[in-house]
Amino acid sequence: MDLMDRFDQILMRERDIPYTAVSPPSGMLWEWLVMPQGLSNAPATFNRCVTKLLRSVRDFAPSYFDDVFVHSRNMDGKTDVEVHRYHVRRVLTLLREHKFFANLN
């Protein structure tokens, strides 16, 4: 499962927004409200956020940056498919609760 627009899903802390300001030739001032990809700590911050978010399901859904790997085995008399469907739903529910979105294509 791939998380959509990974860095765009992390809001900047309000006090850090002025540090992201850029001024193009038009003279306007632009500030990032979401984490831009060019920040040196952006990948580590994103990875830490996703890892913390998925901590409760890490036994069957480890993550690597914006990729979440859901794996399942049959248990308690349920088939692999039933267990996998349950695991995928748990991961998607967690993501939705925290306003993260997966690219399901």
C-alpha atoms as a PDB file:
ATOM      1  CA  MET A   1       0.000   0.000   0.000  1.00  0.00           C
ATOM      2  CA  ASP A   2       1.428   3.374  -0.999  1.00  0.00           C
ATOM      3  CA  LEU A   3       0.645   6.611   0.858  1.00  0.00           C
ATOM      4  CA  MET A   4      -0.391   9.436  -1.474  1.00  0.00           C
ATOM      5  CA  ASP A   5       1.626  12.636  -1.679  1.00  0.00           C
ATOM      6  CA  ARG A   6       3.560  11.624   1.394  1.00  0.00           C
ATOM      7  CA  PHE A   7       5.016  14.965   2.494  1.00  0.00           C
ATOM      8  CA  ASP A   8       1.844  16.883   1.635  1.00  0.00           C
ATOM      9  CA  GLN A   9       0.044  14.920   4.349  1.00  0.00           C
ATOM     10  CA  ILE A  10       2.147  16.417   7.158  1.00  0.00           C
ATOM     11  CA  LEU A  11       1.160  19.904   8.319  1.00  0.00           C
ATOM     12  CA  MET A  12       3.926  22.319   9.263  1.00  0.00           C
ATOM     13  CA  ARG A  13       4.047  23.565  12.834  1.00  0.00           C
ATOM     14  CA  GLU A  14       2.679  27.097  12.771  1.00  0.00           C
ATOM     15  CA  ARG A  15       5.826  28.579  14.295  1.00  0.00           C
ATOM     16  CA  ASP A  16       7.970  26.924  11.564  1.00  0.00           C
ATOM     17  CA  ILE A  17       5.952  28.168   8.575  1.00  0.00           C
ATOM     18  CA  PRO A  18       7.908  31.461   8.201  1.00  0.00           C
ATOM     19  CA  TYR A  19      11.136  29.445   7.755  1.00  0.00           C
ATOM     20  CA  THR A  20       9.730  27.932   4.555  1.00  0.00           C
ATOM     21  CA  ALA A  21       9.058  31.288   2.868  1.00  0.00           C
ATOM     22  CA  VAL A  22      10.232  31.894  -0.689  1.00  0.00           C
ATOM     23  CA  SER A  23       9.948  35.017  -2.803  1.00  0.00           C
ATOM     24  CA  PRO A  24       9.670  34.398  -6.566  1.00  0.00           C
ATOM     25  CA  PRO A  25      10.407  37.147  -9.146  1.00  0.00           C
ATOM     26  CA  SER A  26       6.775  38.312  -8.916  1.00  0.00           C
ATOM     27  CA  GLY A  27       7.604  39.719  -5.473  1.00  0.00           C
ATOM     28  CA  MET A  28       4.913  37.757  -3.647  1.00  0.00           C
ATOM     29  CA  LEU A  29       5.814  35.801  -0.529  1.00  0.00           C
ATOM     30  CA  TRP A  30       4.947  32.085  -0.457  1.00  0.00           C
ATOM     31  CA  GLU A  31       4.985  29.957   2.700  1.00  0.00           C
ATOM     32  CA  TRP A  32       4.512  26.206   2.905  1.00  0.00           C
ATOM     33  CA  LEU A  33       1.626  25.014   5.093  1.00  0.00           C
ATOM     34  CA  VAL A  34       2.543  21.366   4.534  1.00  0.00           C
ATOM     35  CA  MET A  35       5.992  19.823   4.752  1.00  0.00           C
ATOM     36  CA  PRO A  36       7.920  20.534   1.528  1.00  0.00           C
ATOM     37  CA  GLN A  37      10.043  17.742   0.077  1.00  0.00           C
ATOM     38  CA  GLY A  38      13.192  19.852   0.047  1.00  0.00           C
ATOM     39  CA  LEU A  39      13.569  20.157   3.819  1.00  0.00           C
ATOM     40  CA  SER A  40      16.544  18.142   5.023  1.00  0.00           C
ATOM     41  CA  ASN A  41      14.585  16.475   7.834  1.00  0.00           C
ATOM     42  CA  ALA A  42      11.401  15.842   5.814  1.00  0.00           C
ATOM     43  CA  PRO A  43      12.025  12.126   5.062  1.00  0.00           C
ATOM     44  CA  ALA A  44      12.982  11.314   8.661  1.00  0.00           C
ATOM     45  CA  THR A  45      10.036  13.285  10.039  1.00  0.00           C
ATOM     46  CA  PHE A  46       7.618  11.565   7.682  1.00  0.00           C
ATOM     47  CA  ASN A  47       9.012   8.108   8.469  1.00  0.00           C
ATOM     48  CA  ARG A  48       8.826   8.739  12.226  1.00  0.00           C
ATOM     49  CA  CYS A  49       5.229   9.949  11.898  1.00  0.00           C
ATOM     50  CA  VAL A  50       4.093   6.906   9.878  1.00  0.00           C
ATOM     51  CA  THR A  51       5.942   4.466  12.151  1.00  0.00           C
ATOM     52  CA  LYS A  52       4.301   5.988  15.228  1.00  0.00           C
ATOM     53  CA  LEU A  53       0.883   5.998  13.554  1.00  0.00           C
ATOM     54  CA  LEU A  54       1.122   2.302  12.632  1.00  0.00           C
ATOM     55  CA  ARG A  55       2.686   1.143  15.907  1.00  0.00           C
ATOM     56  CA  SER A  56      -0.457  -0.737  16.980  1.00  0.00           C
ATOM     57  CA  VAL A  57      -0.497  -2.803  13.761  1.00  0.00           C
ATOM     58  CA  ARG A  58       3.236  -3.276  13.214  1.00  0.00           C
ATOM     59  CA  ASP A  59       2.961  -7.061  13.732  1.00  0.00           C
ATOM     60  CA  PHE A  60       1.211  -7.378  10.371  1.00  0.00           C
ATOM     61  CA  ALA A  61       1.751  -3.968   8.725  1.00  0.00           C
ATOM     62  CA  PRO A  62       5.349  -2.740   8.856  1.00  0.00           C
ATOM     63  CA  SER A  63       6.153   0.430   6.926  1.00  0.00           C
ATOM     64  CA  TYR A  64       9.074   1.852   5.008  1.00  0.00           C
ATOM     65  CA  PHE A  65       8.610   5.579   4.443  1.00  0.00           C
ATOM     66  CA  ASP A  66       5.425   5.843   2.327  1.00  0.00           C
ATOM     67  CA  ASP A  67       5.018   2.095   1.750  1.00  0.00           C
ATOM     68  CA  VAL A  68       2.949  -0.075   4.096  1.00  0.00           C
ATOM     69  CA  PHE A  69       3.263  -3.850   3.746  1.00  0.00           C
ATOM     70  CA  VAL A  70       0.204  -5.727   5.000  1.00  0.00           C
ATOM     71  CA  HIS A  71       0.775  -9.467   5.424  1.00  0.00           C
ATOM     72  CA  SER A  72      -1.457 -12.075   7.004  1.00  0.00           C
ATOM     73  CA  ARG A  73      -1.725 -15.751   7.926  1.00  0.00           C
ATOM     74  CA  ASN A  74      -4.758 -17.778   8.810  1.00  0.00           C
ATOM     75  CA  MET A  75      -5.565 -17.801  12.518  1.00  0.00           C
ATOM     76  CA  ASP A  76      -8.402 -18.721  14.861  1.00  0.00           C
ATOM     77  CA  GLY A  77     -10.004 -20.887  12.178  1.00  0.00           C
ATOM     78  CA  LYS A  78     -10.273 -18.018   9.689  1.00  0.00           C
ATOM     79  CA  THR A  79      -8.873 -18.207   6.173  1.00  0.00           C
ATOM     80  CA  ASP A  80      -5.895 -16.176   4.967  1.00  0.00           C
ATOM     81  CA  VAL A  81      -8.242 -13.991   2.925  1.00  0.00           C
ATOM     82  CA  GLU A  82     -10.539 -13.230   5.880  1.00  0.00           C
ATOM     83  CA  VAL A  83      -7.613 -12.321   8.124  1.00  0.00           C
ATOM     84  CA  HIS A  84      -5.962 -10.247   5.398  1.00  0.00           C
ATOM     85  CA  ARG A  85      -9.190  -8.359   4.710  1.00  0.00           C
ATOM     86  CA  TYR A  86      -9.452  -7.584   8.444  1.00  0.00           C
ATOM     87  CA  HIS A  87      -5.829  -6.385   8.585  1.00  0.00           C
ATOM     88  CA  VAL A  88      -6.220  -4.138   5.534  1.00  0.00           C
ATOM     89  CA  ARG A  89      -9.371  -2.614   7.036  1.00  0.00           C
ATOM     90  CA  ARG A  90      -7.552  -1.924  10.323  1.00  0.00           C
ATOM     91  CA  VAL A  91      -4.710  -0.175   8.519  1.00  0.00           C
ATOM     92  CA  LEU A  92      -7.060   1.887   6.331  1.00  0.00           C
ATOM     93  CA  THR A  93      -9.159   2.838   9.367  1.00  0.00           C
ATOM     94  CA  LEU A  94      -6.053   4.014  11.237  1.00  0.00           C
ATOM     95  CA  LEU A  95      -4.935   6.043   8.236  1.00  0.00           C
ATOM     96  CA  ARG A  96      -8.372   7.624   7.833  1.00  0.00           C
ATOM     97  CA  GLU A  97      -8.615   8.498  11.546  1.00  0.00           C
ATOM     98  CA  HIS A  98      -5.328  10.398  11.270  1.00  0.00           C
ATOM     99  CA  LYS A  99      -6.166  11.982   7.897  1.00  0.00           C
ATOM    100  CA  PHE A 100      -3.590  10.036   5.915  1.00  0.00           C
ATOM    101  CA  PHE A 101      -4.563   8.752   2.500  1.00  0.00           C
ATOM    102  CA  ALA A 102      -3.413   5.690   0.588  1.00  0.00           C
ATOM    103  CA  ASN A 103      -3.088   5.404  -3.163  1.00  0.00           C
ATOM    104  CA  LEU A 104      -5.122   2.280  -3.883  1.00  0.00           C
ATOM    105  CA  ASN A 105      -4.495   2.175  -7.652  1.00  0.00           C
END
